[in-house]
PDB file of N, CA and C in Angstrom:
ATOM      1  N   MET A   1      39.576 -14.387  73.667  1.00  0.00           N
ATOM      2  CA  MET A   1      39.783 -14.608  72.116  1.00  0.00           C
ATOM      3  C   MET A   1      41.029 -15.103  72.379  1.00  0.00           C
ATOM      4  N   THR A   2      41.278 -16.269  71.640  1.00  0.00           N
ATOM      5  CA  THR A   2      42.663 -17.112  71.571  1.00  0.00           C
ATOM      6  C   THR A   2      43.334 -16.328  70.489  1.00  0.00           C
ATOM      7  N   SER A   3      44.636 -16.338  70.846  1.00  0.00           N
ATOM      8  CA  SER A   3      45.787 -15.921  69.704  1.00  0.00           C
ATOM      9  C   SER A   3      45.232 -16.354  68.274  1.00  0.00           C
ATOM     10  N   HIS A   4      45.085 -17.544  68.200  1.00  0.00           N
ATOM     11  CA  HIS A   4      44.540 -18.139  66.724  1.00  0.00           C
ATOM     12  C   HIS A   4      43.556 -17.532  66.206  1.00  0.00           C
ATOM     13  N   THR A   5      42.341 -17.274  67.156  1.00  0.00           N
ATOM     14  CA  THR A   5      41.114 -16.685  66.552  1.00  0.00           C
ATOM     15  C   THR A   5      41.234 -15.181  66.455  1.00  0.00           C
ATOM     16  N   SER A   6      42.312 -14.346  67.302  1.00  0.00           N
ATOM     17  CA  SER A   6      42.614 -12.958  67.292  1.00  0.00           C
ATOM     18  C   SER A   6      43.523 -12.685  65.787  1.00  0.00           C
ATOM     19  N   PHE A   7      44.240 -13.468  65.291  1.00  0.00           N
ATOM     20  CA  PHE A   7      45.099 -13.402  64.214  1.00  0.00           C
ATOM     21  C   PHE A   7      44.202 -13.445  63.136  1.00  0.00           C
ATOM     22  N   TRP A   8      43.296 -14.186  63.117  1.00  0.00           N
ATOM     23  CA  TRP A   8      42.491 -14.462  62.068  1.00  0.00           C
ATOM     24  C   TRP A   8      41.215 -13.091  61.771  1.00  0.00           C
ATOM     25  N   HIS A   9      40.968 -12.698  62.999  1.00  0.00           N
ATOM     26  CA  HIS A   9      40.050 -11.494  63.264  1.00  0.00           C
ATOM     27  C   HIS A   9      40.552 -10.376  62.631  1.00  0.00           C
ATOM     28  N   GLU A  10      41.895 -10.297  62.995  1.00  0.00           N
ATOM     29  CA  GLU A  10      42.617  -8.929  62.871  1.00  0.00           C
ATOM     30  C   GLU A  10      43.076  -8.800  61.263  1.00  0.00           C
ATOM     31  N   MET A  11      43.334  -9.999  60.707  1.00  0.00           N
ATOM     32  CA  MET A  11      43.497  -9.915  58.989  1.00  0.00           C
ATOM     33  C   MET A  11      42.195  -9.620  58.450  1.00  0.00           C
ATOM     34  N   ALA A  12      41.054 -10.257  58.839  1.00  0.00           N
ATOM     35  CA  ALA A  12      39.726 -10.129  58.563  1.00  0.00           C
ATOM     36  C   ALA A  12      39.445  -8.516  58.476  1.00  0.00           C
ATOM     37  N   GLN A  13      39.734  -7.794  59.582  1.00  0.00           N
ATOM     38  CA  GLN A  13      39.647  -6.449  59.682  1.00  0.00           C
ATOM     39  C   GLN A  13      40.387  -5.554  58.936  1.00  0.00           C
ATOM     40  N   LEU A  14      41.619  -6.031  58.580  1.00  0.00           N
ATOM     41  CA  LEU A  14      42.477  -5.424  57.625  1.00  0.00           C
ATOM     42  C   LEU A  14      41.994  -5.627  56.151  1.00  0.00           C
ATOM     43  N   VAL A  15      41.288  -6.273  55.817  1.00  0.00           N
ATOM     44  CA  VAL A  15      40.866  -6.657  54.533  1.00  0.00           C
ATOM     45  C   VAL A  15      39.683  -5.845  54.439  1.00  0.00           C
ATOM     46  N   ALA A  16      38.906  -6.053  55.520  1.00  0.00           N
ATOM     47  CA  ALA A  16      37.429  -5.348  55.439  1.00  0.00           C
ATOM     48  C   ALA A  16      37.686  -3.700  55.394  1.00  0.00           C
ATOM     49  N   THR A  17      38.802  -3.058  56.052  1.00  0.00           N
ATOM     50  CA  THR A  17      38.902  -1.552  56.156  1.00  0.00           C
ATOM     51  C   THR A  17      39.737  -1.120  55.360  1.00  0.00           C
ATOM     52  N   ASN A  18      40.437  -1.812  54.473  1.00  0.00           N
ATOM     53  CA  ASN A  18      41.179  -1.176  53.467  1.00  0.00           C
ATOM     54  C   ASN A  18      40.815  -1.578  51.959  1.00  0.00           C
ATOM     55  N   SER A  19      41.225  -0.889  51.160  1.00  0.00           N
ATOM     56  CA  SER A  19      40.812  -1.038  49.786  1.00  0.00           C
ATOM     57  C   SER A  19      41.321  -1.728  48.884  1.00  0.00           C
ATOM     58  N   ILE A  20      40.842  -2.715  48.087  1.00  0.00           N
ATOM     59  CA  ILE A  20      41.468  -3.567  47.189  1.00  0.00           C
ATOM     60  C   ILE A  20      41.502  -2.854  45.878  1.00  0.00           C
ATOM     61  N   VAL A  21      42.928  -2.822  45.252  1.00  0.00           N
ATOM     62  CA  VAL A  21      43.148  -2.545  44.270  1.00  0.00           C
ATOM     63  C   VAL A  21      43.647  -3.601  43.133  1.00  0.00           C
ATOM     64  N   ILE A  22      42.694  -3.680  42.140  1.00  0.00           N
ATOM     65  CA  ILE A  22      43.498  -4.989  41.088  1.00  0.00           C
ATOM     66  C   ILE A  22      44.223  -4.178  39.857  1.00  0.00           C
ATOM     67  N   ASP A  23      45.258  -4.504  40.217  1.00  0.00           N
ATOM     68  CA  ASP A  23      46.186  -4.194  38.984  1.00  0.00           C
ATOM     69  C   ASP A  23      46.786  -4.878  37.850  1.00  0.00           C
ATOM     70  N   ARG A  24      46.253  -6.217  38.049  1.00  0.00           N
ATOM     71  CA  ARG A  24      46.595  -7.169  37.103  1.00  0.00           C
ATOM     72  C   ARG A  24      45.178  -8.247  37.008  1.00  0.00           C
ATOM     73  N   PRO A  25      44.354  -7.409  36.074  1.00  0.00           N
ATOM     74  CA  PRO A  25      43.085  -8.430  35.834  1.00  0.00           C
ATOM     75  C   PRO A  25      43.235  -9.850  35.107  1.00  0.00           C
ATOM     76  N   ASN A  26      42.200 -10.558  35.538  1.00  0.00           N
ATOM     77  CA  ASN A  26      42.389 -12.107  35.110  1.00  0.00           C
ATOM     78  C   ASN A  26      42.639 -12.108  33.330  1.00  0.00           C
ATOM     79  N   GLY A  27      43.583 -12.346  32.898  1.00  0.00           N
ATOM     80  CA  GLY A  27      43.747 -12.716  31.301  1.00  0.00           C
ATOM     81  C   GLY A  27      45.077 -11.647  31.008  1.00  0.00           C
ATOM     82  N   SER A  28      45.550 -10.969  31.993  1.00  0.00           N
ATOM     83  CA  SER A  28      46.674  -9.981  31.825  1.00  0.00           C
ATOM     84  C   SER A  28      47.857 -10.877  32.068  1.00  0.00           C
ATOM     85  N   THR A  29      48.983 -10.224  31.473  1.00  0.00           N
ATOM     86  CA  THR A  29      50.266 -10.755  31.356  1.00  0.00           C
ATOM     87  C   THR A  29      50.958 -10.547  32.445  1.00  0.00           C
ATOM     88  N   HIS A  30      51.830 -11.344  32.862  1.00  0.00           N
ATOM     89  CA  HIS A  30      52.932 -10.911  34.005  1.00  0.00           C
ATOM     90  C   HIS A  30      53.757 -10.021  33.586  1.00  0.00           C
ATOM     91  N   PRO A  31      54.120  -8.863  34.289  1.00  0.00           N
ATOM     92  CA  PRO A  31      54.953  -7.795  33.921  1.00  0.00           C
ATOM     93  C   PRO A  31      56.310  -8.335  33.392  1.00  0.00           C
ATOM     94  N   ARG A  32      56.750  -9.439  34.177  1.00  0.00           N
ATOM     95  CA  ARG A  32      58.376  -9.609  33.751  1.00  0.00           C
ATOM     96  C   ARG A  32      58.444 -10.764  32.775  1.00  0.00           C
ATOM     97  N   TYR A  33      57.290 -11.560  33.054  1.00  0.00           N
ATOM     98  CA  TYR A  33      57.312 -12.988  32.113  1.00  0.00           C
ATOM     99  C   TYR A  33      55.940 -12.924  31.377  1.00  0.00           C
ATOM    100  N   PRO A  34      56.028 -12.268  30.249  1.00  0.00           N
ATOM    101  CA  PRO A  34      54.837 -12.173  29.342  1.00  0.00           C
ATOM    102  C   PRO A  34      54.044 -13.547  29.212  1.00  0.00           C
ATOM    103  N   GLU A  35      54.917 -14.597  29.127  1.00  0.00           N
ATOM    104  CA  GLU A  35      54.234 -15.721  28.722  1.00  0.00           C
ATOM    105  C   GLU A  35      53.208 -16.483  29.870  1.00  0.00           C
ATOM    106  N   VAL A  36      53.432 -15.734  30.937  1.00  0.00           N
ATOM    107  CA  VAL A  36      52.404 -16.004  32.273  1.00  0.00           C
ATOM    108  C   VAL A  36      51.376 -15.140  32.150  1.00  0.00           C
ATOM    109  N   ILE A  37      50.240 -15.900  32.132  1.00  0.00           N
ATOM    110  CA  ILE A  37      48.826 -15.310  32.122  1.00  0.00           C
ATOM    111  C   ILE A  37      48.049 -15.346  33.527  1.00  0.00           C
ATOM    112  N   TYR A  38      47.687 -14.190  34.049  1.00  0.00           N
ATOM    113  CA  TYR A  38      46.671 -14.232  35.279  1.00  0.00           C
ATOM    114  C   TYR A  38      45.614 -15.110  35.087  1.00  0.00           C
ATOM    115  N   PRO A  39      45.101 -16.286  35.758  1.00  0.00           N
ATOM    116  CA  PRO A  39      44.031 -17.021  35.495  1.00  0.00           C
ATOM    117  C   PRO A  39      42.840 -16.127  36.295  1.00  0.00           C
ATOM    118  N   LEU A  40      43.250 -15.485  37.542  1.00  0.00           N
ATOM    119  CA  LEU A  40      42.330 -14.659  38.220  1.00  0.00           C
ATOM    120  C   LEU A  40      42.564 -13.238  38.471  1.00  0.00           C
ATOM    121  N   HIS A  41      41.984 -12.368  39.061  1.00  0.00           N
ATOM    122  CA  HIS A  41      42.307 -11.014  39.163  1.00  0.00           C
ATOM    123  C   HIS A  41      43.357 -11.079  40.053  1.00  0.00           C
ATOM    124  N   TYR A  42      44.253 -10.165  40.296  1.00  0.00           N
ATOM    125  CA  TYR A  42      45.342 -10.008  41.556  1.00  0.00           C
ATOM    126  C   TYR A  42      45.497  -8.703  41.707  1.00  0.00           C
ATOM    127  N   GLY A  43      46.050  -8.417  42.787  1.00  0.00           N
ATOM    128  CA  GLY A  43      46.098  -6.779  43.060  1.00  0.00           C
ATOM    129  C   GLY A  43      46.858  -6.605  44.549  1.00  0.00           C
ATOM    130  N   TYR A  44      46.356  -5.918  45.116  1.00  0.00           N
ATOM    131  CA  TYR A  44      46.875  -5.332  46.542  1.00  0.00           C
ATOM    132  C   TYR A  44      45.979  -4.623  47.258  1.00  0.00           C
ATOM    133  N   LEU A  45      46.222  -5.072  48.575  1.00  0.00           N
ATOM    134  CA  LEU A  45      45.404  -4.160  49.838  1.00  0.00           C
ATOM    135  C   LEU A  45      46.150  -2.836  50.178  1.00  0.00           C
ATOM    136  N   GLU A  46      45.322  -1.917  49.607  1.00  0.00           N
ATOM    137  CA  GLU A  46      45.906  -0.605  49.865  1.00  0.00           C
ATOM    138  C   GLU A  46      46.138  -0.074  51.216  1.00  0.00           C
ATOM    139  N   GLY A  47      47.325   0.682  51.231  1.00  0.00           N
ATOM    140  CA  GLY A  47      47.656   1.005  53.049  1.00  0.00           C
ATOM    141  C   GLY A  47      48.266   0.020  53.771  1.00  0.00           C
ATOM    142  N   THR A  48      48.639  -1.227  53.284  1.00  0.00           N
ATOM    143  CA  THR A  48      49.437  -2.023  53.922  1.00  0.00           C
ATOM    144  C   THR A  48      50.844  -2.317  53.398  1.00  0.00           C
ATOM    145  N   THR A  49      51.595  -2.809  54.080  1.00  0.00           N
ATOM    146  CA  THR A  49      52.980  -3.335  53.699  1.00  0.00           C
ATOM    147  C   THR A  49      53.400  -4.875  53.845  1.00  0.00           C
ATOM    148  N   SER A  50      54.009  -5.238  52.901  1.00  0.00           N
ATOM    149  CA  SER A  50      54.467  -6.682  52.892  1.00  0.00           C
ATOM    150  C   SER A  50      55.777  -6.967  53.149  1.00  0.00           C
ATOM    151  N   ALA A  51      56.168  -8.083  53.012  1.00  0.00           N
ATOM    152  CA  ALA A  51      57.872  -8.311  53.213  1.00  0.00           C
ATOM    153  C   ALA A  51      58.488  -7.355  52.121  1.00  0.00           C
ATOM    154  N   ASP A  52      57.960  -7.507  50.877  1.00  0.00           N
ATOM    155  CA  ASP A  52      59.062  -7.011  49.926  1.00  0.00           C
ATOM    156  C   ASP A  52      58.758  -5.312  49.888  1.00  0.00           C
ATOM    157  N   GLY A  53      58.000  -4.736  50.776  1.00  0.00           N
ATOM    158  CA  GLY A  53      57.878  -3.244  50.738  1.00  0.00           C
ATOM    159  C   GLY A  53      56.860  -2.721  50.365  1.00  0.00           C
ATOM    160  N   ASP A  54      56.046  -3.426  49.351  1.00  0.00           N
ATOM    161  CA  ASP A  54      54.906  -2.836  48.484  1.00  0.00           C
ATOM    162  C   ASP A  54      53.750  -3.275  49.543  1.00  0.00           C
ATOM    163  N   ASP A  55      52.697  -3.016  48.970  1.00  0.00           N
ATOM    164  CA  ASP A  55      51.437  -3.455  49.464  1.00  0.00           C
ATOM    165  C   ASP A  55      51.019  -4.783  49.510  1.00  0.00           C
ATOM    166  N   THR A  56      50.463  -5.439  50.362  1.00  0.00           N
ATOM    167  CA  THR A  56      50.023  -6.743  50.777  1.00  0.00           C
ATOM    168  C   THR A  56      49.353  -6.992  49.480  1.00  0.00           C
ATOM    169  N   ASP A  57      49.653  -8.272  48.828  1.00  0.00           N
ATOM    170  CA  ASP A  57      49.112  -9.109  47.715  1.00  0.00           C
ATOM    171  C   ASP A  57      47.959  -9.446  48.032  1.00  0.00           C
ATOM    172  N   VAL A  58      46.737  -9.400  47.168  1.00  0.00           N
ATOM    173  CA  VAL A  58      45.332 -10.228  47.420  1.00  0.00           C
ATOM    174  C   VAL A  58      45.106 -10.784  45.794  1.00  0.00           C
ATOM    175  N   SER A  59      44.236 -12.032  45.941  1.00  0.00           N
ATOM    176  CA  SER A  59      43.751 -12.564  44.944  1.00  0.00           C
ATOM    177  C   SER A  59      42.261 -12.844  45.308  1.00  0.00           C
ATOM    178  N   PRO A  60      41.611 -11.949  44.657  1.00  0.00           N
ATOM    179  CA  PRO A  60      40.191 -12.039  44.574  1.00  0.00           C
ATOM    180  C   PRO A  60      39.615 -13.307  43.908  1.00  0.00           C
ATOM    181  N   GLY A  61      38.783 -14.018  44.197  1.00  0.00           N
ATOM    182  CA  GLY A  61      38.190 -15.222  43.851  1.00  0.00           C
ATOM    183  C   GLY A  61      36.968 -14.744  43.127  1.00  0.00           C
ATOM    184  N   SER A  62      36.287 -15.887  42.912  1.00  0.00           N
ATOM    185  CA  SER A  62      34.860 -15.878  42.004  1.00  0.00           C
ATOM    186  C   SER A  62      33.716 -15.653  42.849  1.00  0.00           C
ATOM    187  N   LEU A  63      34.028 -15.773  44.134  1.00  0.00           N
ATOM    188  CA  LEU A  63      32.568 -15.221  45.208  1.00  0.00           C
ATOM    189  C   LEU A  63      32.449 -13.920  45.048  1.00  0.00           C
ATOM    190  N   ASN A  64      31.222 -13.497  45.459  1.00  0.00           N
ATOM    191  CA  ASN A  64      30.868 -12.011  45.476  1.00  0.00           C
ATOM    192  C   ASN A  64      32.052 -11.408  46.489  1.00  0.00           C
ATOM    193  N   THR A  65      32.756 -10.348  46.090  1.00  0.00           N
ATOM    194  CA  THR A  65      33.762  -9.696  46.583  1.00  0.00           C
ATOM    195  C   THR A  65      33.641  -8.408  47.475  1.00  0.00           C
ATOM    196  N   THR A  66      32.245  -8.113  47.059  1.00  0.00           N
ATOM    197  CA  THR A  66      31.851  -6.877  47.827  1.00  0.00           C
ATOM    198  C   THR A  66      31.975  -6.818  49.368  1.00  0.00           C
ATOM    199  N   ASP A  67      31.617  -8.205  49.910  1.00  0.00           N
ATOM    200  CA  ASP A  67      31.607  -8.472  51.394  1.00  0.00           C
ATOM    201  C   ASP A  67      33.060  -8.618  51.984  1.00  0.00           C
ATOM    202  N   LYS A  68      34.008  -8.850  50.977  1.00  0.00           N
ATOM    203  CA  LYS A  68      35.534  -9.003  51.162  1.00  0.00           C
ATOM    204  C   LYS A  68      35.783  -9.934  52.093  1.00  0.00           C
ATOM    205  N   MET A  69      35.473 -11.002  51.838  1.00  0.00           N
ATOM    206  CA  MET A  69      35.709 -12.298  52.828  1.00  0.00           C
ATOM    207  C   MET A  69      37.134 -13.060  52.717  1.00  0.00           C
ATOM    208  N   LEU A  70      37.407 -12.862  53.860  1.00  0.00           N
ATOM    209  CA  LEU A  70      38.790 -13.225  53.760  1.00  0.00           C
ATOM    210  C   LEU A  70      39.076 -15.023  53.842  1.00  0.00           C
ATOM    211  N   THR A  71      39.219 -15.450  52.939  1.00  0.00           N
ATOM    212  CA  THR A  71      39.173 -17.172  52.799  1.00  0.00           C
ATOM    213  C   THR A  71      40.252 -17.868  52.897  1.00  0.00           C
ATOM    214  N   GLY A  72      41.480 -17.331  53.047  1.00  0.00           N
ATOM    215  CA  GLY A  72      43.013 -17.714  53.151  1.00  0.00           C
ATOM    216  C   GLY A  72      43.968 -16.981  53.031  1.00  0.00           C
ATOM    217  N   ILE A  73      45.142 -17.447  53.198  1.00  0.00           N
ATOM    218  CA  ILE A  73      46.334 -16.723  53.097  1.00  0.00           C
ATOM    219  C   ILE A  73      47.248 -17.875  52.510  1.00  0.00           C
ATOM    220  N   LEU A  74      47.783 -17.573  51.562  1.00  0.00           N
ATOM    221  CA  LEU A  74      48.725 -18.077  50.775  1.00  0.00           C
ATOM    222  C   LEU A  74      50.043 -17.636  50.985  1.00  0.00           C
ATOM    223  N   CYS A  75      51.092 -18.655  51.524  1.00  0.00           N
ATOM    224  CA  CYS A  75      52.485 -17.990  51.713  1.00  0.00           C
ATOM    225  C   CYS A  75      53.547 -18.327  50.642  1.00  0.00           C
ATOM    226  N   THR A  76      54.378 -17.405  49.933  1.00  0.00           N
ATOM    227  CA  THR A  76      55.133 -17.778  48.920  1.00  0.00           C
ATOM    228  C   THR A  76      56.603 -17.456  49.245  1.00  0.00           C
ATOM    229  N   PHE A  77      57.273 -18.015  48.802  1.00  0.00           N
ATOM    230  CA  PHE A  77      58.861 -17.695  48.701  1.00  0.00           C
ATOM    231  C   PHE A  77      59.443 -17.691  47.304  1.00  0.00           C
ATOM    232  N   ASP A  78      59.759 -16.372  46.810  1.00  0.00           N
ATOM    233  CA  ASP A  78      60.522 -16.108  45.485  1.00  0.00           C
ATOM    234  C   ASP A  78      61.833 -16.462  45.689  1.00  0.00           C
ATOM    235  N   THR A  79      62.456 -17.022  44.693  1.00  0.00           N
ATOM    236  CA  THR A  79      63.670 -17.862  44.870  1.00  0.00           C
ATOM    237  C   THR A  79      64.649 -16.904  44.311  1.00  0.00           C
ATOM    238  N   LEU A  80      63.931 -16.033  43.326  1.00  0.00           N
ATOM    239  CA  LEU A  80      64.872 -14.820  42.494  1.00  0.00           C
ATOM    240  C   LEU A  80      64.998 -13.656  43.687  1.00  0.00           C
ATOM    241  N   LYS A  81      64.054 -13.197  44.275  1.00  0.00           N
ATOM    242  CA  LYS A  81      64.183 -12.170  45.183  1.00  0.00           C
ATOM    243  C   LYS A  81      64.515 -12.271  46.303  1.00  0.00           C
ATOM    244  N   ARG A  82      64.364 -13.942  46.666  1.00  0.00           N
ATOM    245  CA  ARG A  82      64.861 -14.435  48.026  1.00  0.00           C
ATOM    246  C   ARG A  82      64.012 -13.909  49.137  1.00  0.00           C
ATOM    247  N   ASP A  83      62.701 -13.639  49.084  1.00  0.00           N
ATOM    248  CA  ASP A  83      61.927 -13.323  50.058  1.00  0.00           C
ATOM    249  C   ASP A  83      60.663 -13.960  50.130  1.00  0.00           C
ATOM    250  N   ALA A  84      60.122 -14.215  51.416  1.00  0.00           N
ATOM    251  CA  ALA A  84      58.924 -14.692  51.213  1.00  0.00           C
ATOM    252  C   ALA A  84      57.665 -13.452  51.589  1.00  0.00           C
ATOM    253  N   GLU A  85      56.427 -14.290  51.347  1.00  0.00           N
ATOM    254  CA  GLU A  85      55.391 -13.073  51.355  1.00  0.00           C
ATOM    255  C   GLU A  85      54.312 -13.962  51.674  1.00  0.00           C
ATOM    256  N   ILE A  86      52.976 -13.145  52.330  1.00  0.00           N
ATOM    257  CA  ILE A  86      51.692 -13.544  52.127  1.00  0.00           C
ATOM    258  C   ILE A  86      51.133 -13.004  50.757  1.00  0.00           C
ATOM    259  N   LYS A  87      50.028 -13.715  50.678  1.00  0.00           N
ATOM    260  CA  LYS A  87      48.948 -13.327  49.522  1.00  0.00           C
ATOM    261  C   LYS A  87      47.502 -13.497  50.229  1.00  0.00           C
ATOM    262  N   LEU A  88      46.713 -12.598  50.303  1.00  0.00           N
ATOM    263  CA  LEU A  88      45.442 -12.828  51.043  1.00  0.00           C
ATOM    264  C   LEU A  88      44.501 -13.401  49.920  1.00  0.00           C
ATOM    265  N   LEU A  89      43.490 -14.179  50.435  1.00  0.00           N
ATOM    266  CA  LEU A  89      42.718 -14.755  49.170  1.00  0.00           C
ATOM    267  C   LEU A  89      41.366 -14.707  49.670  1.00  0.00           C
ATOM    268  N   ILE A  90      40.619 -13.749  48.907  1.00  0.00           N
ATOM    269  CA  ILE A  90      39.078 -13.103  49.153  1.00  0.00           C
ATOM    270  C   ILE A  90      38.377 -13.416  48.325  1.00  0.00           C
ATOM    271  N   GLY A  91      37.167 -14.151  49.128  1.00  0.00           N
ATOM    272  CA  GLY A  91      36.028 -14.481  48.311  1.00  0.00           C
ATOM    273  C   GLY A  91      36.544 -15.641  47.394  1.00  0.00           C
ATOM    274  N   CYS A  92      37.164 -16.658  47.706  1.00  0.00           N
ATOM    275  CA  CYS A  92      37.760 -17.756  46.845  1.00  0.00           C
ATOM    276  C   CYS A  92      36.890 -19.171  46.979  1.00  0.00           C
ATOM    277  N   THR A  93      36.451 -19.883  46.166  1.00  0.00           N
ATOM    278  CA  THR A  93      36.072 -21.181  46.059  1.00  0.00           C
ATOM    279  C   THR A  93      37.012 -21.991  46.658  1.00  0.00           C
ATOM    280  N   VAL A  94      37.100 -23.338  46.458  1.00  0.00           N
ATOM    281  CA  VAL A  94      38.118 -24.497  46.625  1.00  0.00           C
ATOM    282  C   VAL A  94      38.698 -24.437  45.064  1.00  0.00           C
ATOM    283  N   GLU A  95      37.865 -24.086  44.184  1.00  0.00           N
ATOM    284  CA  GLU A  95      38.412 -24.178  42.987  1.00  0.00           C
ATOM    285  C   GLU A  95      39.126 -23.012  42.525  1.00  0.00           C
ATOM    286  N   ASP A  96      39.103 -21.656  43.004  1.00  0.00           N
ATOM    287  CA  ASP A  96      39.868 -20.746  42.931  1.00  0.00           C
ATOM    288  C   ASP A  96      41.233 -20.963  43.731  1.00  0.00           C
ATOM    289  N   VAL A  97      41.119 -21.377  44.747  1.00  0.00           N
ATOM    290  CA  VAL A  97      42.427 -21.661  45.928  1.00  0.00           C
ATOM    291  C   VAL A  97      43.128 -22.556  44.896  1.00  0.00           C
ATOM    292  N   GLN A  98      42.922 -23.585  44.231  1.00  0.00           N
ATOM    293  CA  GLN A  98      43.757 -24.789  43.546  1.00  0.00           C
ATOM    294  C   GLN A  98      44.304 -23.912  42.219  1.00  0.00           C
ATOM    295  N   THR A  99      43.337 -22.887  41.616  1.00  0.00           N
ATOM    296  CA  THR A  99      43.836 -22.113  40.512  1.00  0.00           C
ATOM    297  C   THR A  99      44.932 -21.158  40.849  1.00  0.00           C
ATOM    298  N   ILE A 100      44.872 -20.775  42.292  1.00  0.00           N
ATOM    299  CA  ILE A 100      46.003 -19.834  42.439  1.00  0.00           C
ATOM    300  C   ILE A 100      47.253 -20.339  42.852  1.00  0.00           C
ATOM    301  N   GLN A 101      47.111 -21.817  43.394  1.00  0.00           N
ATOM    302  CA  GLN A 101      48.203 -22.528  43.775  1.00  0.00           C
ATOM    303  C   GLN A 101      48.774 -23.023  42.704  1.00  0.00           C
ATOM    304  N   ASN A 102      47.948 -23.430  41.696  1.00  0.00           N
ATOM    305  CA  ASN A 102      48.695 -23.724  40.542  1.00  0.00           C
ATOM    306  C   ASN A 102      49.431 -22.542  39.679  1.00  0.00           C
ATOM    307  N   PHE A 103      48.969 -21.581  39.576  1.00  0.00           N
ATOM    308  CA  PHE A 103      49.359 -20.432  38.908  1.00  0.00           C
ATOM    309  C   PHE A 103      51.107 -20.116  39.671  1.00  0.00           C
ATOM    310  N   HIS A 104      50.959 -20.088  41.105  1.00  0.00           N
ATOM    311  CA  HIS A 104      52.225 -19.765  41.728  1.00  0.00           C
ATOM    312  C   HIS A 104      53.252 -20.938  41.742  1.00  0.00           C
ATOM    313  N   ASN A 105      52.753 -22.001  41.853  1.00  0.00           N
ATOM    314  CA  ASN A 105      53.641 -23.280  41.231  1.00  0.00           C
ATOM    315  C   ASN A 105      54.389 -23.037  39.795  1.00  0.00           C
ATOM    316  N   GLU A 106      53.572 -22.403  38.894  1.00  0.00           N
ATOM    317  CA  GLU A 106      54.032 -22.197  37.205  1.00  0.00           C
ATOM    318  C   GLU A 106      55.228 -21.511  37.804  1.00  0.00           C
ATOM    319  N   MET A 107      54.742 -20.280  38.649  1.00  0.00           N
ATOM    320  CA  MET A 107      55.927 -19.279  38.557  1.00  0.00           C
ATOM    321  C   MET A 107      57.283 -19.730  39.269  1.00  0.00           C
ATOM    322  N   LEU A 108      56.872 -20.867  39.832  1.00  0.00           N
ATOM    323  CA  LEU A 108      58.377 -21.518  40.628  1.00  0.00           C
ATOM    324  C   LEU A 108      59.003 -22.024  39.454  1.00  0.00           C
ATOM    325  N   THR A 109      58.723 -22.250  38.314  1.00  0.00           N
ATOM    326  CA  THR A 109      59.404 -23.096  37.253  1.00  0.00           C
ATOM    327  C   THR A 109      59.983 -22.010  36.536  1.00  0.00           C
ATOM    328  N   LEU A 110      59.653 -20.521  36.726  1.00  0.00           N
ATOM    329  CA  LEU A 110      60.324 -19.642  35.776  1.00  0.00           C
ATOM    330  C   LEU A 110      61.690 -19.397  36.069  1.00  0.00           C
TER     331      LEU A 110
END
């Protein structure tokens, strides 16, 4: 297995073996910016650690997420906290990915 394939395999295994917790359902407001509304569910992968010390963020899309199919990884940089993070996209359509990207671009303007 090549290192490229191994990376995606390991990430998919992480998603498959850890619980997804949705702490911000679609339509909910951002905790620090109440004018920002989450367009899709947002949560975290329990039992993992991200750059900010919290669990790894996940954005489940509109596809059936019971199989927890990893469909992509979004890399973000928070200019206020000055940290970079990954966000796992799970069960996302092309439209979901665009919605998630638009949401994070909106967050950059705050």
